Amino acid sequence: MEYDLAGLPTMGRDGLASIILPSLTLGLAISSVYVRLLRSSLLESLSQEFVRSARARGCQKDVFLFYTLFDIVSPPVITVFGLV
């Protein structure tokens, strides 16, 4: 398989364009740690009592997930981000 990278060199010293692919590769490698931590924290939070009571009161799942649970789940992810 061969892909045309449309002007993005895989190596070299051509300025900013030569930094994009190596940075993307390193970023994708470490992002799996953050995604796994976020997912496990989110699944743990979904089983707590306040989530069940909010759902019983009629709160929409998507709204509750993005506005409330991400506020609760984000501190461990930010802590790991600072450690790495």
Protein backbone atom coordinates (compact mmCIF):
# COMPACT_ATOMS: atom_id res chain seq x y z
CA MET A 1 0.00 0.00 0.00
CA GLU A 2 1.16 3.43 -0.81
CA TYR A 3 -0.31 6.72 0.37
CA ASP A 4 0.35 10.20 -0.88
CA LEU A 5 1.00 12.37 2.16
CA ALA A 6 0.34 15.58 0.23
CA GLY A 7 3.49 17.46 1.13
CA LEU A 8 4.08 16.09 4.63
CA PRO A 9 7.59 14.67 4.78
CA THR A 10 8.18 11.73 7.11
CA MET A 11 11.60 13.06 8.07
CA GLY A 12 13.89 15.96 7.37
CA ARG A 13 14.40 19.55 8.33
CA ASP A 14 11.92 21.34 6.13
CA GLY A 15 10.44 23.45 8.88
CA LEU A 16 7.08 23.00 10.51
CA ALA A 17 5.82 20.50 7.93
CA SER A 18 8.45 17.95 8.94
CA ILE A 19 7.31 18.02 12.58
CA ILE A 20 3.63 17.18 11.98
CA LEU A 21 3.83 13.42 11.33
CA PRO A 22 6.32 12.58 14.12
CA SER A 23 4.28 14.65 16.59
CA LEU A 24 1.08 12.92 15.52
CA THR A 25 2.70 9.51 15.96
CA LEU A 26 3.96 10.28 19.46
CA GLY A 27 0.65 11.85 20.45
CA LEU A 28 -1.40 8.89 19.28
CA ALA A 29 0.83 6.47 21.17
CA ILE A 30 0.29 8.16 24.56
CA SER A 31 -3.37 9.02 23.96
CA SER A 32 -4.39 5.40 24.51
CA VAL A 33 -3.46 5.75 28.19
CA TYR A 34 -5.71 8.78 28.58
CA VAL A 35 -8.62 7.22 26.73
CA ARG A 36 -8.42 4.02 28.79
CA LEU A 37 -8.34 5.99 32.05
CA LEU A 38 -11.23 8.21 30.96
CA ARG A 39 -13.31 5.21 29.93
CA SER A 40 -12.73 3.27 33.15
CA SER A 41 -13.49 6.33 35.30
CA LEU A 42 -16.63 7.06 33.29
CA LEU A 43 -17.91 3.49 33.59
CA GLU A 44 -17.24 3.56 37.33
CA SER A 45 -19.14 6.83 37.70
CA LEU A 46 -22.14 5.58 35.72
CA SER A 47 -22.89 3.01 38.41
CA GLN A 48 -23.06 5.54 41.25
CA GLU A 49 -26.28 6.44 43.01
CA PHE A 50 -26.56 10.07 41.88
CA VAL A 51 -26.49 8.99 38.24
CA ARG A 52 -29.34 6.56 38.74
CA SER A 53 -31.39 9.14 40.61
CA ALA A 54 -30.81 11.77 37.91
CA ARG A 55 -31.87 9.32 35.22
CA ALA A 56 -34.97 8.43 37.27
CA ARG A 57 -35.89 12.13 37.44
CA GLY A 58 -35.82 12.29 33.64
CA CYS A 59 -32.46 13.88 32.95
CA GLN A 60 -31.27 13.20 29.40
CA LYS A 61 -28.33 10.81 29.24
CA ASP A 62 -26.23 12.83 26.78
CA VAL A 63 -26.66 16.12 28.63
CA PHE A 64 -25.91 14.52 31.97
CA LEU A 65 -22.91 12.67 30.56
CA PHE A 66 -21.22 15.69 29.04
CA TYR A 67 -21.99 18.33 31.64
CA THR A 68 -21.82 16.41 34.90
CA LEU A 69 -19.86 13.21 34.54
CA PHE A 70 -16.96 14.70 32.59
CA ASP A 71 -16.52 17.23 35.39
CA ILE A 72 -16.26 14.35 37.86
CA VAL A 73 -14.05 12.13 35.69
CA SER A 74 -11.59 14.74 34.39
CA PRO A 75 -9.39 15.25 37.52
CA PRO A 76 -7.75 11.79 37.35
CA VAL A 77 -7.07 12.24 33.63
CA ILE A 78 -5.53 15.67 34.22
CA THR A 79 -3.39 14.25 37.01
CA VAL A 80 -2.03 11.49 34.77
CA PHE A 81 -1.45 14.07 32.03
CA GLY A 82 0.70 16.05 34.46
CA LEU A 83 2.65 12.97 35.52
CA VAL A 84 3.50 11.88 31.98
